[in-house]
Amino acid sequence: MKELHLYRKRLIPNECVRLEDDIILYRNDEMIITGWKTLHPRNDMDHGFSLYLLNEGIKVGKFCRKDGSLLCWYCDIVDYSYDEETSTLTTTDLLADVVIMPGGFVKVLDLDELADALSLGLIDTDAMQRALVRLNNLLNCIYRDEFTVYQKMIEEYE
């Protein structure tokens, strides 16, 4: 397999960053698992792992403190685009996020930003629909206690 170049694209704020320090721990046609250090130093978070679910439009992150303990699980609703010529995978954040705290508390974030992105023309109605369907699928997975499947996938490569 060719070396893969990972990019994270955000709509709000508008930025595209190459994740050049991320280490690909596992890769197949359906998922990628990476390990990483925070891009900008933080007191609460030091490193983590990401599970790119390429067919589901979800990126699951395990955020860890410096001592390795779990800060939270952070799930992004995303679009993926792959450029075969440059072997580049760009993950576009569709703004809606789900945070799962160690005790199991679940919080949905940034739906206001998703609405703003539609109003500002940063996304179209098709992207809005994809984001909401993917968010609904993820929440149903969590509510059915099936999220542990994703957690185990990441933990296998820690």
Foldseek 3Di string as FASTA:
>chain_A
DDDAWEWEAEVVVGDIGTQVAWAFQDDDPQWTKTKFADPDDDQAFGIWMWICGQVLQKIWIFTAHPVGDTAWIKMFRWHWDADPVVNYIYTYGLQWMWIAGPVGDIDIDRPVVNVVCCVVVVDDVVSSVSSVVSVVVVVVCSVVVNCVVVVVVRVVRD
